[in-house]
Amino acid sequence: MPQPRGPLVAFSRWAGAFGDEVAARVAEWLDYGLFGAEAIDRLAADPALSARLDARLDAAQRAAISERVATVLARAPAAPAGLVRVVATLGERGMAVVLGRGAASILPPLRALRVLVVAPEAQRAERMAQAQGIPLPEAVACIASADSARRSALRERFGVAAEDLTHYDLVLNTEALSIEATAALVVDALRRRFPLH
């Protein structure tokens, strides 16, 4: 479990943009915990794991978590409360990289660097076709479906328009940047944004 100090990096990504790889590299370089969809869902579903995550939080941190959950649920009543609580708790504990699950929509800028990793649709489809060994037309359809699902989830679960980039602090295009270069920019931005950590 991450220790209760330091900021958090919240990643959102378009399918095929190498967001997962960038997030993993950032977590490795910072020596932060990496929490993807499966880990967050497991924490939200298992009371024993949630209790471990909440351990050693002080009253101010618990109040901040409750306030964050209430704020998100007021804006987006359909948001899954357990998931929102887990992400808000990770935000208070800090020293973690959270991948997806609406984290960039849940966490306030005072607790997290919120990053979106993008790339042109054609390039994302080519990457997916190569990585999964599928025909390009199938990859194009997969990318279109994933993009649609992401837009719907942000709108329906978190009350956020996917086209609104203002709730991200950093948008990085991996068309011209390698995974390492993109991760380095994230780490540099985190250190500049939160210089005391």
Protein backbone atom coordinates (compact mmCIF):
# COMPACT_ATOMS: atom_id res chain seq x y z
CA MET A 1 0.00 0.00 0.00
CA PRO A 2 1.29 3.51 -0.75
CA GLN A 3 2.47 5.56 2.21
CA PRO A 4 0.41 8.60 3.25
CA ARG A 5 2.57 11.27 1.66
CA GLY A 6 3.36 12.80 -1.70
CA PRO A 7 1.20 13.41 -4.76
CA LEU A 8 -0.43 10.91 -7.08
CA VAL A 9 -0.36 10.58 -10.88
CA ALA A 10 -3.78 9.91 -12.44
CA PHE A 11 -3.58 8.56 -15.98
CA SER A 12 -6.28 8.47 -18.60
CA ARG A 13 -5.53 7.17 -22.06
CA TRP A 14 -6.97 6.48 -25.45
CA ALA A 15 -6.85 2.83 -26.52
CA GLY A 16 -3.62 2.06 -28.36
CA ALA A 17 -1.87 5.28 -27.25
CA PHE A 18 0.60 3.38 -25.00
CA GLY A 19 -0.88 4.93 -21.84
CA ASP A 20 -0.53 1.68 -19.88
CA GLU A 21 3.14 1.42 -20.80
CA VAL A 22 3.81 5.06 -19.92
CA ALA A 23 2.04 4.70 -16.57
CA ALA A 24 4.06 1.57 -15.74
CA ARG A 25 7.31 3.34 -16.58
CA VAL A 26 6.36 6.36 -14.44
CA ALA A 27 5.48 4.12 -11.49
CA GLU A 28 8.77 2.27 -11.89
CA TRP A 29 10.87 5.44 -12.07
CA LEU A 30 9.13 7.08 -9.11
CA ASP A 31 8.95 3.84 -7.11
CA TYR A 32 5.19 4.40 -6.76
CA GLY A 33 2.49 1.76 -6.53
CA LEU A 34 0.66 1.13 -9.82
CA PHE A 35 -3.10 0.71 -9.53
CA GLY A 36 -4.90 -0.35 -12.70
CA ALA A 37 -8.56 -1.18 -13.24
CA GLU A 38 -8.32 -4.68 -11.80
CA ALA A 39 -6.59 -3.55 -8.60
CA ILE A 40 -9.01 -0.67 -8.04
CA ASP A 41 -12.04 -2.88 -8.65
CA ARG A 42 -10.65 -5.47 -6.22
CA LEU A 43 -10.07 -2.79 -3.56
CA ALA A 44 -13.60 -1.43 -4.05
CA ALA A 45 -15.18 -4.91 -3.82
CA ASP A 46 -13.22 -6.33 -0.87
CA PRO A 47 -13.92 -4.72 2.55
CA ALA A 48 -10.75 -6.21 4.05
CA LEU A 49 -8.57 -4.66 1.35
CA SER A 50 -10.41 -1.34 1.66
CA ALA A 51 -9.77 -1.38 5.40
CA ARG A 52 -6.05 -1.91 4.79
CA LEU A 53 -6.05 1.02 2.38
CA ASP A 54 -7.75 3.21 5.01
CA ALA A 55 -5.35 2.18 7.78
CA ARG A 56 -3.31 4.95 9.40
CA LEU A 57 -5.21 7.80 7.78
CA ASP A 58 -5.78 10.71 10.11
CA ALA A 59 -9.06 12.55 10.70
CA ALA A 60 -8.23 15.32 8.22
CA GLN A 61 -7.47 12.79 5.47
CA ARG A 62 -10.68 10.87 6.17
CA ALA A 63 -12.66 14.11 6.03
CA ALA A 64 -11.00 15.05 2.72
CA ILE A 65 -11.92 11.63 1.29
CA SER A 66 -15.56 11.97 2.38
CA GLU A 67 -15.73 15.46 0.94
CA ARG A 68 -14.23 14.33 -2.38
CA VAL A 69 -16.68 11.40 -2.62
CA ALA A 70 -19.62 13.70 -1.86
CA THR A 71 -18.44 16.22 -4.47
CA VAL A 72 -18.10 13.59 -7.19
CA LEU A 73 -21.46 11.95 -6.36
CA ALA A 74 -23.20 15.35 -6.35
CA ARG A 75 -21.85 16.01 -9.85
CA ALA A 76 -22.35 12.45 -11.09
CA PRO A 77 -24.90 10.42 -9.05
CA ALA A 78 -24.31 7.36 -11.26
CA ALA A 79 -20.63 7.19 -10.27
CA PRO A 80 -19.81 3.95 -8.40
CA ALA A 81 -19.36 5.15 -4.82
CA GLY A 82 -16.98 2.36 -3.80
CA LEU A 83 -14.67 3.03 -6.74
CA VAL A 84 -14.77 6.79 -6.09
CA ARG A 85 -13.89 6.21 -2.42
CA VAL A 86 -10.92 3.97 -3.35
CA VAL A 87 -9.54 6.51 -5.83
CA ALA A 88 -10.08 9.38 -3.37
CA THR A 89 -8.30 7.36 -0.68
CA LEU A 90 -5.36 6.65 -2.99
CA GLY A 91 -5.26 10.39 -3.68
CA GLU A 92 -4.93 11.16 0.02
CA ARG A 93 -2.33 8.46 0.59
CA GLY A 94 -0.33 9.53 -2.44
CA MET A 95 2.78 8.04 -3.99
CA ALA A 96 0.76 6.03 -6.49
CA VAL A 97 0.01 5.90 -10.19
CA VAL A 98 -3.67 5.27 -10.94
CA LEU A 99 -4.55 4.12 -14.43
CA GLY A 100 -8.06 4.82 -15.66
CA ARG A 101 -11.23 4.31 -13.64
CA GLY A 102 -12.07 8.01 -13.90
CA ALA A 103 -9.23 8.97 -11.55
CA ALA A 104 -8.49 12.18 -13.44
CA SER A 105 -12.17 13.13 -13.01
CA ILE A 106 -12.26 12.17 -9.35
CA LEU A 107 -9.05 13.63 -7.95
CA PRO A 108 -8.53 17.34 -7.36
CA PRO A 109 -5.49 19.12 -8.85
CA LEU A 110 -4.09 19.73 -5.36
CA ARG A 111 -3.57 15.98 -4.85
CA ALA A 112 -2.74 14.67 -8.32
CA LEU A 113 -1.08 15.33 -11.62
CA ARG A 114 -3.81 14.39 -14.10
CA VAL A 115 -2.43 13.07 -17.40
CA LEU A 116 -4.08 12.09 -20.69
CA VAL A 117 -2.09 10.01 -23.20
CA VAL A 118 -3.29 10.28 -26.80
CA ALA A 119 -2.27 9.40 -30.36
CA PRO A 120 -3.93 9.64 -33.78
CA GLU A 121 -6.61 7.02 -34.41
CA ALA A 122 -4.85 5.49 -37.42
CA GLN A 123 -1.63 5.01 -35.48
CA ARG A 124 -3.46 3.53 -32.52
CA ALA A 125 -5.19 1.04 -34.82
CA GLU A 126 -1.87 0.06 -36.42
CA ARG A 127 -0.33 -0.48 -32.98
CA MET A 128 -3.26 -2.62 -31.87
CA ALA A 129 -3.20 -4.69 -35.07
CA GLN A 130 0.50 -5.37 -34.62
CA ALA A 131 0.35 -6.06 -30.88
CA GLN A 132 -2.65 -8.38 -31.07
CA GLY A 133 -1.93 -9.92 -34.46
CA ILE A 134 -5.30 -8.94 -35.88
CA PRO A 135 -6.24 -7.46 -39.28
CA LEU A 136 -6.13 -3.67 -39.48
CA PRO A 137 -9.89 -3.27 -40.17
CA GLU A 138 -10.62 -5.25 -37.00
CA ALA A 139 -8.21 -3.05 -35.03
CA VAL A 140 -9.89 0.09 -36.42
CA ALA A 141 -13.25 -1.24 -35.19
CA CYS A 142 -11.77 -2.10 -31.78
CA ILE A 143 -10.32 1.40 -31.41
CA ALA A 144 -13.64 3.01 -32.39
CA SER A 145 -15.49 0.81 -29.88
CA ALA A 146 -13.00 1.56 -27.08
CA ASP A 147 -13.18 5.30 -27.76
CA SER A 148 -16.97 5.19 -27.68
CA ALA A 149 -16.98 3.22 -24.42
CA ARG A 150 -14.54 5.68 -22.83
CA ARG A 151 -16.68 8.68 -23.86
CA SER A 152 -19.82 7.01 -22.50
CA ALA A 153 -18.20 5.99 -19.20
CA LEU A 154 -16.84 9.48 -18.55
CA ARG A 155 -20.17 11.09 -19.38
CA GLU A 156 -22.50 8.62 -17.64
CA ARG A 157 -20.42 7.65 -14.62
CA PHE A 158 -18.50 10.85 -13.90
CA GLY A 159 -20.41 13.65 -15.60
CA VAL A 160 -17.41 14.64 -17.72
CA ALA A 161 -17.23 15.24 -21.47
CA ALA A 162 -14.33 13.28 -22.96
CA GLU A 163 -13.67 16.17 -25.34
CA ASP A 164 -13.14 18.59 -22.41
CA LEU A 165 -9.40 18.54 -21.84
CA THR A 166 -9.48 21.15 -19.06
CA HIS A 167 -9.66 18.55 -16.29
CA TYR A 168 -6.22 17.25 -17.33
CA ASP A 169 -3.00 18.98 -16.35
CA LEU A 170 -0.96 17.36 -19.11
CA VAL A 171 -1.97 15.91 -22.49
CA LEU A 172 0.79 13.96 -24.25
CA ASN A 173 0.72 12.63 -27.81
CA THR A 174 2.73 9.44 -28.31
CA GLU A 175 2.69 9.85 -32.09
CA ALA A 176 6.05 11.62 -31.89
CA LEU A 177 7.15 10.74 -28.35
CA SER A 178 8.54 7.39 -27.25
CA ILE A 179 7.22 5.72 -24.12
CA GLU A 180 10.38 6.76 -22.28
CA ALA A 181 10.15 10.39 -23.45
CA THR A 182 6.49 10.59 -22.49
CA ALA A 183 7.17 9.08 -19.06
CA ALA A 184 10.08 11.49 -18.53
CA LEU A 185 7.81 14.45 -19.27
CA VAL A 186 5.28 13.17 -16.72
CA VAL A 187 7.92 12.72 -14.03
CA ASP A 188 9.36 16.18 -14.74
CA ALA A 189 5.89 17.76 -14.64
CA LEU A 190 5.13 16.00 -11.34
CA ARG A 191 8.34 17.25 -9.75
CA ARG A 192 7.75 20.80 -10.99
CA ARG A 193 4.10 20.78 -9.94
CA PHE A 194 4.83 19.34 -6.48
CA PRO A 195 8.42 20.52 -5.80
CA LEU A 196 8.49 19.57 -2.13
CA HIS A 197 7.80 15.88 -2.77
